[in-house]
Amino acid sequence: MNDLIQTYNQLSDTQQKQLLAFANLLLLKQKAKQPTGNLSSWKQKIGEVSTWSEEDIKALEDNAKHLNQWKAQDW
């Protein structure tokens, strides 16, 4: 650790700032890769947001087929 501090102290102010910025970037990457929760509970939670039945999907598909047949009212 002393070697690291000695090397750091030999750097110019600009180089020290660059080194600190790089170290912070490495820390951010490390934190981003660490899991933050239980994936199975997240899957269950997101699955409860909304689900569409086959009937819902069929109704949407049927309505999409007729969308181009719709005519706007003349004024």
N, C-alpha and C. Protein backbone atom coordinates (compact mmCIF):
# COMPACT_ATOMS: atom_id res chain seq x y z
N MET A 1 0.82 -1.19 0.00
CA MET A 1 0.00 0.00 0.00
C MET A 1 0.87 1.25 0.00
N ASN A 2 1.99 1.19 0.69
CA ASN A 2 2.89 2.34 0.71
C ASN A 2 3.41 2.66 -0.69
N ASP A 3 3.66 1.60 -1.49
CA ASP A 3 4.12 1.82 -2.86
C ASP A 3 3.07 2.58 -3.66
N LEU A 4 1.83 2.24 -3.44
CA LEU A 4 0.75 2.90 -4.16
C LEU A 4 0.68 4.37 -3.77
N ILE A 5 0.80 4.68 -2.50
CA ILE A 5 0.74 6.05 -2.03
C ILE A 5 1.94 6.84 -2.54
N GLN A 6 3.11 6.24 -2.52
CA GLN A 6 4.30 6.92 -3.03
C GLN A 6 4.17 7.23 -4.52
N THR A 7 3.67 6.28 -5.26
CA THR A 7 3.47 6.49 -6.70
C THR A 7 2.43 7.57 -6.93
N TYR A 8 1.36 7.54 -6.19
CA TYR A 8 0.31 8.55 -6.32
C TYR A 8 0.87 9.95 -6.03
N ASN A 9 1.67 10.06 -5.00
CA ASN A 9 2.23 11.36 -4.62
C ASN A 9 3.21 11.90 -5.67
N GLN A 10 3.77 11.04 -6.48
CA GLN A 10 4.70 11.48 -7.52
C GLN A 10 3.98 12.01 -8.76
N LEU A 11 2.70 11.75 -8.85
CA LEU A 11 1.93 12.23 -9.99
C LEU A 11 1.61 13.71 -9.86
N SER A 12 1.40 14.35 -11.00
CA SER A 12 0.98 15.75 -10.99
C SER A 12 -0.47 15.83 -10.51
N ASP A 13 -0.94 17.03 -10.20
CA ASP A 13 -2.31 17.19 -9.74
C ASP A 13 -3.31 16.67 -10.78
N THR A 14 -3.06 16.97 -12.03
CA THR A 14 -3.94 16.52 -13.10
C THR A 14 -3.96 15.00 -13.18
N GLN A 15 -2.80 14.39 -13.09
CA GLN A 15 -2.72 12.93 -13.15
C GLN A 15 -3.38 12.29 -11.93
N GLN A 16 -3.26 12.92 -10.77
CA GLN A 16 -3.92 12.40 -9.58
C GLN A 16 -5.44 12.44 -9.75
N LYS A 17 -5.96 13.53 -10.33
CA LYS A 17 -7.40 13.63 -10.57
C LYS A 17 -7.85 12.57 -11.57
N GLN A 18 -7.04 12.34 -12.61
CA GLN A 18 -7.39 11.31 -13.60
C GLN A 18 -7.40 9.93 -12.96
N LEU A 19 -6.43 9.67 -12.10
CA LEU A 19 -6.37 8.37 -11.43
C LEU A 19 -7.58 8.17 -10.52
N LEU A 20 -7.97 9.20 -9.79
CA LEU A 20 -9.14 9.10 -8.92
C LEU A 20 -10.41 8.90 -9.73
N ALA A 21 -10.53 9.59 -10.85
CA ALA A 21 -11.70 9.41 -11.72
C ALA A 21 -11.76 7.98 -12.24
N PHE A 22 -10.61 7.44 -12.63
CA PHE A 22 -10.57 6.06 -13.12
C PHE A 22 -10.93 5.08 -12.01
N ALA A 23 -10.42 5.31 -10.80
CA ALA A 23 -10.75 4.44 -9.68
C ALA A 23 -12.25 4.48 -9.37
N ASN A 24 -12.85 5.67 -9.46
CA ASN A 24 -14.29 5.79 -9.24
C ASN A 24 -15.07 5.05 -10.31
N LEU A 25 -14.60 5.10 -11.54
CA LEU A 25 -15.24 4.36 -12.62
C LEU A 25 -15.20 2.86 -12.35
N LEU A 26 -14.06 2.37 -11.90
CA LEU A 26 -13.94 0.95 -11.57
C LEU A 26 -14.90 0.56 -10.45
N LEU A 27 -15.04 1.43 -9.45
CA LEU A 27 -15.96 1.14 -8.35
C LEU A 27 -17.41 1.11 -8.83
N LEU A 28 -17.77 2.02 -9.73
CA LEU A 28 -19.13 2.02 -10.28
C LEU A 28 -19.41 0.74 -11.06
N LYS A 29 -18.45 0.30 -11.85
CA LYS A 29 -18.62 -0.94 -12.60
C LYS A 29 -18.78 -2.12 -11.66
N GLN A 30 -18.00 -2.13 -10.60
CA GLN A 30 -18.06 -3.23 -9.63
C GLN A 30 -19.42 -3.26 -8.95
N LYS A 31 -19.95 -2.09 -8.58
CA LYS A 31 -21.25 -2.03 -7.93
C LYS A 31 -22.36 -2.44 -8.89
N ALA A 32 -22.23 -2.09 -10.16
CA ALA A 32 -23.25 -2.41 -11.15
C ALA A 32 -23.35 -3.91 -11.38
N LYS A 33 -22.27 -4.63 -11.22
CA LYS A 33 -22.26 -6.06 -11.48
C LYS A 33 -22.76 -6.87 -10.29
N GLN A 34 -22.80 -6.26 -9.12
CA GLN A 34 -23.24 -7.00 -7.94
C GLN A 34 -24.76 -7.11 -7.94
N PRO A 35 -25.28 -8.30 -7.68
CA PRO A 35 -26.74 -8.44 -7.62
C PRO A 35 -27.29 -7.65 -6.44
N THR A 36 -28.43 -7.03 -6.65
CA THR A 36 -28.99 -6.18 -5.59
C THR A 36 -30.24 -6.76 -4.96
N GLY A 37 -30.68 -7.90 -5.40
CA GLY A 37 -31.90 -8.44 -4.81
C GLY A 37 -32.16 -9.86 -5.25
N ASN A 38 -33.31 -10.33 -4.86
CA ASN A 38 -33.74 -11.68 -5.16
C ASN A 38 -34.45 -11.69 -6.51
N LEU A 39 -33.87 -12.34 -7.49
CA LEU A 39 -34.42 -12.35 -8.84
C LEU A 39 -35.77 -13.05 -8.91
N SER A 40 -35.96 -14.11 -8.14
CA SER A 40 -37.23 -14.83 -8.20
C SER A 40 -38.37 -13.97 -7.69
N SER A 41 -38.15 -13.17 -6.64
CA SER A 41 -39.22 -12.30 -6.15
C SER A 41 -39.49 -11.19 -7.15
N TRP A 42 -38.46 -10.72 -7.87
CA TRP A 42 -38.67 -9.70 -8.90
C TRP A 42 -39.51 -10.27 -10.03
N LYS A 43 -39.22 -11.49 -10.45
CA LYS A 43 -40.00 -12.12 -11.52
C LYS A 43 -41.46 -12.25 -11.12
N GLN A 44 -41.70 -12.63 -9.89
CA GLN A 44 -43.08 -12.76 -9.43
C GLN A 44 -43.76 -11.40 -9.40
N LYS A 45 -43.05 -10.39 -8.92
CA LYS A 45 -43.62 -9.05 -8.82
C LYS A 45 -43.94 -8.49 -10.20
N ILE A 46 -43.04 -8.65 -11.15
CA ILE A 46 -43.27 -8.12 -12.49
C ILE A 46 -44.36 -8.91 -13.21
N GLY A 47 -44.49 -10.17 -12.89
CA GLY A 47 -45.54 -10.99 -13.48
C GLY A 47 -46.93 -10.60 -13.02
N GLU A 48 -47.02 -9.97 -11.87
CA GLU A 48 -48.31 -9.55 -11.33
C GLU A 48 -48.76 -8.19 -11.86
N VAL A 49 -47.91 -7.52 -12.61
CA VAL A 49 -48.27 -6.20 -13.12
C VAL A 49 -49.46 -6.31 -14.04
N SER A 50 -49.36 -7.13 -15.06
CA SER A 50 -50.50 -7.37 -15.93
C SER A 50 -50.23 -8.61 -16.77
N THR A 51 -51.28 -9.33 -17.01
CA THR A 51 -51.18 -10.48 -17.91
C THR A 51 -52.37 -10.44 -18.84
N TRP A 52 -52.15 -10.83 -20.06
CA TRP A 52 -53.21 -10.85 -21.05
C TRP A 52 -53.57 -12.28 -21.35
N SER A 53 -54.84 -12.51 -21.40
CA SER A 53 -55.31 -13.85 -21.74
C SER A 53 -55.28 -14.01 -23.26
N GLU A 54 -55.47 -15.22 -23.72
CA GLU A 54 -55.52 -15.48 -25.17
C GLU A 54 -56.68 -14.72 -25.80
N GLU A 55 -57.78 -14.59 -25.06
CA GLU A 55 -58.94 -13.85 -25.56
C GLU A 55 -58.62 -12.37 -25.75
N ASP A 56 -57.86 -11.80 -24.80
CA ASP A 56 -57.46 -10.39 -24.91
C ASP A 56 -56.61 -10.18 -26.16
N ILE A 57 -55.65 -11.06 -26.37
CA ILE A 57 -54.77 -10.95 -27.52
C ILE A 57 -55.54 -11.11 -28.82
N LYS A 58 -56.47 -12.05 -28.86
CA LYS A 58 -57.28 -12.27 -30.06
C LYS A 58 -58.12 -11.04 -30.37
N ALA A 59 -58.70 -10.42 -29.35
CA ALA A 59 -59.51 -9.22 -29.56
C ALA A 59 -58.65 -8.09 -30.13
N LEU A 60 -57.45 -7.93 -29.62
CA LEU A 60 -56.56 -6.90 -30.15
C LEU A 60 -56.17 -7.18 -31.60
N GLU A 61 -55.87 -8.42 -31.90
CA GLU A 61 -55.50 -8.78 -33.27
C GLU A 61 -56.66 -8.57 -34.23
N ASP A 62 -57.87 -8.95 -33.80
CA ASP A 62 -59.05 -8.75 -34.65
C ASP A 62 -59.30 -7.26 -34.90
N ASN A 63 -59.19 -6.47 -33.89
CA ASN A 63 -59.40 -5.02 -34.04
C ASN A 63 -58.32 -4.40 -34.92
N ALA A 64 -57.10 -4.90 -34.83
CA ALA A 64 -56.02 -4.37 -35.65
C ALA A 64 -56.29 -4.64 -37.13
N LYS A 65 -56.91 -5.76 -37.45
CA LYS A 65 -57.22 -6.10 -38.84
C LYS A 65 -58.24 -5.12 -39.43
N HIS A 66 -59.12 -4.60 -38.59
CA HIS A 66 -60.18 -3.72 -39.07
C HIS A 66 -59.83 -2.24 -38.94
N LEU A 67 -58.66 -1.94 -38.44
CA LEU A 67 -58.28 -0.55 -38.21
C LEU A 67 -58.25 0.26 -39.50
N ASN A 68 -57.74 -0.30 -40.58
CA ASN A 68 -57.66 0.41 -41.85
C ASN A 68 -59.02 0.59 -42.51
N GLN A 69 -60.02 -0.12 -42.07
CA GLN A 69 -61.37 -0.01 -42.64
C GLN A 69 -62.17 1.12 -41.99
N TRP A 70 -61.65 1.63 -40.91
CA TRP A 70 -62.35 2.70 -40.20
C TRP A 70 -62.29 3.98 -41.02
N LYS A 71 -63.38 4.67 -41.10
CA LYS A 71 -63.44 5.92 -41.88
C LYS A 71 -63.76 7.07 -40.94
N ALA A 72 -63.01 8.14 -41.12
CA ALA A 72 -63.25 9.33 -40.32
C ALA A 72 -64.52 10.02 -40.78
N GLN A 73 -65.20 10.61 -39.84
CA GLN A 73 -66.45 11.29 -40.14
C GLN A 73 -66.15 12.56 -40.93
N ASP A 74 -66.93 12.83 -41.97
CA ASP A 74 -66.80 14.06 -42.75
C ASP A 74 -67.43 15.21 -41.98
N TRP A 75 -66.83 16.36 -42.10
CA TRP A 75 -67.34 17.55 -41.41
C TRP A 75 -68.04 18.44 -42.38
